[in-house]
Amino acid sequence: MYYMYVMRSMKDHKYYTGCTSDLRNRFNLHVCEKVRSTKGRGPFQLIYYEACINRGDAYAREKYLKTGMGKRYLKNRLKRFLSLTG
């Protein structure tokens, strides 16, 4: 399985969207600050993920969710969560 995931930094409240075949390990790498793009932004909260059988599908979904339409989709999908954490 391949996973597309979205995390939120508890420090700066910004989001990070990524893709991996091992979600637990990848999240732990983010937490341990071993990922250059998120280093110094932790702690993190995993707020959303999708599982795909095909690697290409997962990466295509990640790419889509980084677009304006994809961000709107996530905002709509997570509206209850986002209103609680505002």
C-alpha atoms as a PDB file:
ATOM      1  CA  MET A   1       0.000   0.000   0.000  1.00  0.00           C
ATOM      2  CA  TYR A   2       1.015   3.608  -0.586  1.00  0.00           C
ATOM      3  CA  TYR A   3      -0.237   6.463   1.536  1.00  0.00           C
ATOM      4  CA  MET A   4      -0.849  10.117   0.821  1.00  0.00           C
ATOM      5  CA  TYR A   5      -0.932  12.033   4.091  1.00  0.00           C
ATOM      6  CA  VAL A   6      -1.450  15.503   5.518  1.00  0.00           C
ATOM      7  CA  MET A   7       0.100  16.657   8.781  1.00  0.00           C
ATOM      8  CA  ARG A   8      -0.304  19.897  10.659  1.00  0.00           C
ATOM      9  CA  SER A   9       2.536  21.544  12.511  1.00  0.00           C
ATOM     10  CA  MET A  10       1.546  22.368  16.070  1.00  0.00           C
ATOM     11  CA  LYS A  11       4.280  25.023  16.056  1.00  0.00           C
ATOM     12  CA  ASP A  12       3.369  27.137  13.016  1.00  0.00           C
ATOM     13  CA  HIS A  13      -0.063  25.586  12.197  1.00  0.00           C
ATOM     14  CA  LYS A  14       0.965  25.006   8.581  1.00  0.00           C
ATOM     15  CA  TYR A  15       0.225  21.847   6.652  1.00  0.00           C
ATOM     16  CA  TYR A  16       2.544  19.350   5.010  1.00  0.00           C
ATOM     17  CA  THR A  17       1.352  16.904   2.354  1.00  0.00           C
ATOM     18  CA  GLY A  18       3.433  13.867   1.530  1.00  0.00           C
ATOM     19  CA  CYS A  19       3.451  10.332   0.171  1.00  0.00           C
ATOM     20  CA  THR A  20       5.016   7.095   1.452  1.00  0.00           C
ATOM     21  CA  SER A  21       4.770   3.320   1.503  1.00  0.00           C
ATOM     22  CA  ASP A  22       5.273   3.168   5.298  1.00  0.00           C
ATOM     23  CA  LEU A  23       3.133   5.775   7.019  1.00  0.00           C
ATOM     24  CA  ARG A  24       4.173   4.994  10.620  1.00  0.00           C
ATOM     25  CA  ASN A  25       7.870   5.129   9.815  1.00  0.00           C
ATOM     26  CA  ARG A  26       7.544   8.301   7.743  1.00  0.00           C
ATOM     27  CA  PHE A  27       5.568  10.052  10.489  1.00  0.00           C
ATOM     28  CA  ASN A  28       8.228   9.037  13.026  1.00  0.00           C
ATOM     29  CA  LEU A  29      10.916  10.485  10.745  1.00  0.00           C
ATOM     30  CA  HIS A  30       9.018  13.790  10.723  1.00  0.00           C
ATOM     31  CA  VAL A  31       8.674  13.706  14.522  1.00  0.00           C
ATOM     32  CA  CYS A  32      12.401  12.953  14.970  1.00  0.00           C
ATOM     33  CA  GLU A  33      13.225  15.864  12.615  1.00  0.00           C
ATOM     34  CA  LYS A  34      14.928  13.630  10.049  1.00  0.00           C
ATOM     35  CA  VAL A  35      12.981  15.099   7.113  1.00  0.00           C
ATOM     36  CA  ARG A  36      14.592  18.256   5.761  1.00  0.00           C
ATOM     37  CA  SER A  37      11.353  19.918   4.612  1.00  0.00           C
ATOM     38  CA  THR A  38       9.730  19.728   8.073  1.00  0.00           C
ATOM     39  CA  LYS A  39      12.775  19.999  10.321  1.00  0.00           C
ATOM     40  CA  GLY A  40      12.197  22.482  13.126  1.00  0.00           C
ATOM     41  CA  ARG A  41       8.431  22.646  12.566  1.00  0.00           C
ATOM     42  CA  GLY A  42       7.354  19.868  14.970  1.00  0.00           C
ATOM     43  CA  PRO A  43       5.508  18.583  16.850  1.00  0.00           C
ATOM     44  CA  PHE A  44       3.075  17.310  14.230  1.00  0.00           C
ATOM     45  CA  GLN A  45      -0.430  15.977  14.144  1.00  0.00           C
ATOM     46  CA  LEU A  46      -1.430  13.536  11.409  1.00  0.00           C
ATOM     47  CA  ILE A  47      -4.812  14.883  10.324  1.00  0.00           C
ATOM     48  CA  TYR A  48      -5.618  12.978   7.123  1.00  0.00           C
ATOM     49  CA  TYR A  49      -4.442  10.099   4.975  1.00  0.00           C
ATOM     50  CA  GLU A  50      -5.595   8.012   2.043  1.00  0.00           C
ATOM     51  CA  ALA A  51      -4.381   4.542   1.094  1.00  0.00           C
ATOM     52  CA  CYS A  52      -3.774   3.496  -2.519  1.00  0.00           C
ATOM     53  CA  ILE A  53      -2.747   0.168  -3.978  1.00  0.00           C
ATOM     54  CA  ASN A  54      -0.756   1.791  -6.777  1.00  0.00           C
ATOM     55  CA  ARG A  55       2.235   4.093  -6.126  1.00  0.00           C
ATOM     56  CA  GLY A  56       1.400   6.297  -9.106  1.00  0.00           C
ATOM     57  CA  ASP A  57      -2.141   6.856  -7.824  1.00  0.00           C
ATOM     58  CA  ALA A  58      -0.865   7.930  -4.414  1.00  0.00           C
ATOM     59  CA  TYR A  59       1.609  10.413  -5.891  1.00  0.00           C
ATOM     60  CA  ALA A  60      -1.013  11.765  -8.308  1.00  0.00           C
ATOM     61  CA  ARG A  61      -3.369  12.290  -5.373  1.00  0.00           C
ATOM     62  CA  GLU A  62      -0.643  14.082  -3.414  1.00  0.00           C
ATOM     63  CA  LYS A  63       0.005  16.358  -6.376  1.00  0.00           C
ATOM     64  CA  TYR A  64      -3.724  17.117  -6.702  1.00  0.00           C
ATOM     65  CA  LEU A  65      -4.137  17.922  -3.002  1.00  0.00           C
ATOM     66  CA  LYS A  66      -1.351  20.505  -3.299  1.00  0.00           C
ATOM     67  CA  THR A  67      -3.345  22.456  -5.917  1.00  0.00           C
ATOM     68  CA  GLY A  68      -5.946  25.115  -5.141  1.00  0.00           C
ATOM     69  CA  MET A  69      -8.813  22.731  -5.877  1.00  0.00           C
ATOM     70  CA  GLY A  70      -7.199  20.025  -3.766  1.00  0.00           C
ATOM     71  CA  LYS A  71      -6.758  22.386  -0.825  1.00  0.00           C
ATOM     72  CA  ARG A  72     -10.434  23.339  -1.095  1.00  0.00           C
ATOM     73  CA  TYR A  73     -11.348  19.647  -1.109  1.00  0.00           C
ATOM     74  CA  LEU A  74      -9.344  19.061   2.081  1.00  0.00           C
ATOM     75  CA  LYS A  75     -10.795  22.148   3.743  1.00  0.00           C
ATOM     76  CA  ASN A  76     -14.296  20.869   2.962  1.00  0.00           C
ATOM     77  CA  ARG A  77     -13.453  17.302   4.002  1.00  0.00           C
ATOM     78  CA  LEU A  78     -11.929  18.408   7.308  1.00  0.00           C
ATOM     79  CA  LYS A  79     -14.251  21.308   8.115  1.00  0.00           C
ATOM     80  CA  ARG A  80     -15.362  19.895  11.491  1.00  0.00           C
ATOM     81  CA  PHE A  81     -11.774  19.201  12.552  1.00  0.00           C
ATOM     82  CA  LEU A  82     -10.568  22.597  11.350  1.00  0.00           C
ATOM     83  CA  SER A  83     -13.382  24.427  13.175  1.00  0.00           C
ATOM     84  CA  LEU A  84     -12.399  22.682  16.438  1.00  0.00           C
ATOM     85  CA  THR A  85      -8.723  23.545  16.092  1.00  0.00           C
ATOM     86  CA  GLY A  86      -9.178  26.985  14.472  1.00  0.00           C
END
